[in-house]
Amino acid sequence: MGVEAAAGDVWRMRRRHPCGGWEWRVVRVGADVGIVCLTCGRRATLARRRFEARAKTRVSAAPGPP
């Protein structure tokens, strides 16, 4: 069973980014998941299966509708 990621969520990954950051914001969800490092701003795209394997915990959820 996979993780339920939504655009705007912040996730802590299992391994640290080379800049030293642990947390990433999800910017796109589909067959691929687009993420942005919160420390350096680097963008990356991961296949959904790879994202699910590398994601550790959801730090904060995306804000809901008003």
C-alpha atoms as a PDB file:
ATOM      1  CA  MET A   1       0.000   0.000   0.000  1.00  0.00           C
ATOM      2  CA  GLY A   2       1.382   3.390  -0.984  1.00  0.00           C
ATOM      3  CA  VAL A   3       1.588   6.707   0.764  1.00  0.00           C
ATOM      4  CA  GLU A   4      -1.076   9.327   0.128  1.00  0.00           C
ATOM      5  CA  ALA A   5       0.871  12.361  -1.059  1.00  0.00           C
ATOM      6  CA  ALA A   6      -0.879  15.562  -2.143  1.00  0.00           C
ATOM      7  CA  ALA A   7       0.495  18.755  -3.643  1.00  0.00           C
ATOM      8  CA  GLY A   8       1.588  21.039  -0.813  1.00  0.00           C
ATOM      9  CA  ASP A   9       2.499  18.258   1.645  1.00  0.00           C
ATOM     10  CA  VAL A  10       5.914  18.347   3.307  1.00  0.00           C
ATOM     11  CA  TRP A  11       7.637  14.963   3.629  1.00  0.00           C
ATOM     12  CA  ARG A  12      10.765  13.859   5.479  1.00  0.00           C
ATOM     13  CA  MET A  13      12.794  11.466   3.337  1.00  0.00           C
ATOM     14  CA  ARG A  14      14.842   8.464   4.497  1.00  0.00           C
ATOM     15  CA  ARG A  15      18.144   9.896   3.249  1.00  0.00           C
ATOM     16  CA  ARG A  16      19.521  13.404   3.488  1.00  0.00           C
ATOM     17  CA  HIS A  17      19.886  15.600   0.386  1.00  0.00           C
ATOM     18  CA  PRO A  18      23.521  16.589  -0.384  1.00  0.00           C
ATOM     19  CA  CYS A  19      22.738  20.158   0.794  1.00  0.00           C
ATOM     20  CA  GLY A  20      21.917  18.749   4.244  1.00  0.00           C
ATOM     21  CA  GLY A  21      18.132  19.054   4.052  1.00  0.00           C
ATOM     22  CA  TRP A  22      15.739  16.274   5.048  1.00  0.00           C
ATOM     23  CA  GLU A  23      12.371  17.803   4.133  1.00  0.00           C
ATOM     24  CA  TRP A  24      10.751  18.177   0.720  1.00  0.00           C
ATOM     25  CA  ARG A  25       7.512  19.823  -0.464  1.00  0.00           C
ATOM     26  CA  VAL A  26       5.383  17.931  -2.991  1.00  0.00           C
ATOM     27  CA  VAL A  27       4.553  20.171  -5.963  1.00  0.00           C
ATOM     28  CA  ARG A  28       3.109  17.656  -8.422  1.00  0.00           C
ATOM     29  CA  VAL A  29       1.383  14.294  -8.049  1.00  0.00           C
ATOM     30  CA  GLY A  30       0.697  11.892 -10.892  1.00  0.00           C
ATOM     31  CA  ALA A  31       2.598   8.948 -12.349  1.00  0.00           C
ATOM     32  CA  ASP A  32       5.650  10.908 -11.171  1.00  0.00           C
ATOM     33  CA  VAL A  33       5.930  12.975  -8.006  1.00  0.00           C
ATOM     34  CA  GLY A  34       7.590  16.386  -8.243  1.00  0.00           C
ATOM     35  CA  ILE A  35       9.316  17.558  -5.055  1.00  0.00           C
ATOM     36  CA  VAL A  36      11.296  20.636  -3.970  1.00  0.00           C
ATOM     37  CA  CYS A  37      13.981  20.619  -1.266  1.00  0.00           C
ATOM     38  CA  LEU A  38      13.047  23.097   1.477  1.00  0.00           C
ATOM     39  CA  THR A  39      16.704  23.822   2.262  1.00  0.00           C
ATOM     40  CA  CYS A  40      18.189  24.651  -1.155  1.00  0.00           C
ATOM     41  CA  GLY A  41      15.170  24.809  -3.486  1.00  0.00           C
ATOM     42  CA  ARG A  42      16.360  22.036  -5.820  1.00  0.00           C
ATOM     43  CA  ARG A  43      13.552  20.390  -7.792  1.00  0.00           C
ATOM     44  CA  ALA A  44      13.431  16.660  -8.449  1.00  0.00           C
ATOM     45  CA  THR A  45      11.003  14.245 -10.049  1.00  0.00           C
ATOM     46  CA  LEU A  46      10.647  10.703  -8.772  1.00  0.00           C
ATOM     47  CA  ALA A  47       8.545   7.838 -10.033  1.00  0.00           C
ATOM     48  CA  ARG A  48       5.656   7.306  -7.614  1.00  0.00           C
ATOM     49  CA  ARG A  49       6.990   3.891  -6.548  1.00  0.00           C
ATOM     50  CA  ARG A  50      10.429   5.362  -5.785  1.00  0.00           C
ATOM     51  CA  PHE A  51       8.882   8.261  -3.851  1.00  0.00           C
ATOM     52  CA  GLU A  52       6.856   5.803  -1.760  1.00  0.00           C
ATOM     53  CA  ALA A  53      10.008   3.818  -0.973  1.00  0.00           C
ATOM     54  CA  ARG A  54      12.048   6.897  -0.017  1.00  0.00           C
ATOM     55  CA  ALA A  55       9.432   8.865   1.930  1.00  0.00           C
ATOM     56  CA  LYS A  56       9.634   8.371   5.684  1.00  0.00           C
ATOM     57  CA  THR A  57       7.003  10.555   7.357  1.00  0.00           C
ATOM     58  CA  ARG A  58       4.629  13.378   6.480  1.00  0.00           C
ATOM     59  CA  VAL A  59       5.737  16.477   8.378  1.00  0.00           C
ATOM     60  CA  SER A  60       2.748  18.644   7.460  1.00  0.00           C
ATOM     61  CA  ALA A  61      -0.271  18.234   5.241  1.00  0.00           C
ATOM     62  CA  ALA A  62      -1.334  20.637   2.526  1.00  0.00           C
ATOM     63  CA  PRO A  63      -3.815  23.274   3.665  1.00  0.00           C
ATOM     64  CA  GLY A  64      -7.395  22.210   3.021  1.00  0.00           C
ATOM     65  CA  PRO A  65     -10.019  24.140   1.065  1.00  0.00           C
ATOM     66  CA  PRO A  66     -11.310  27.330   2.759  1.00  0.00           C
END
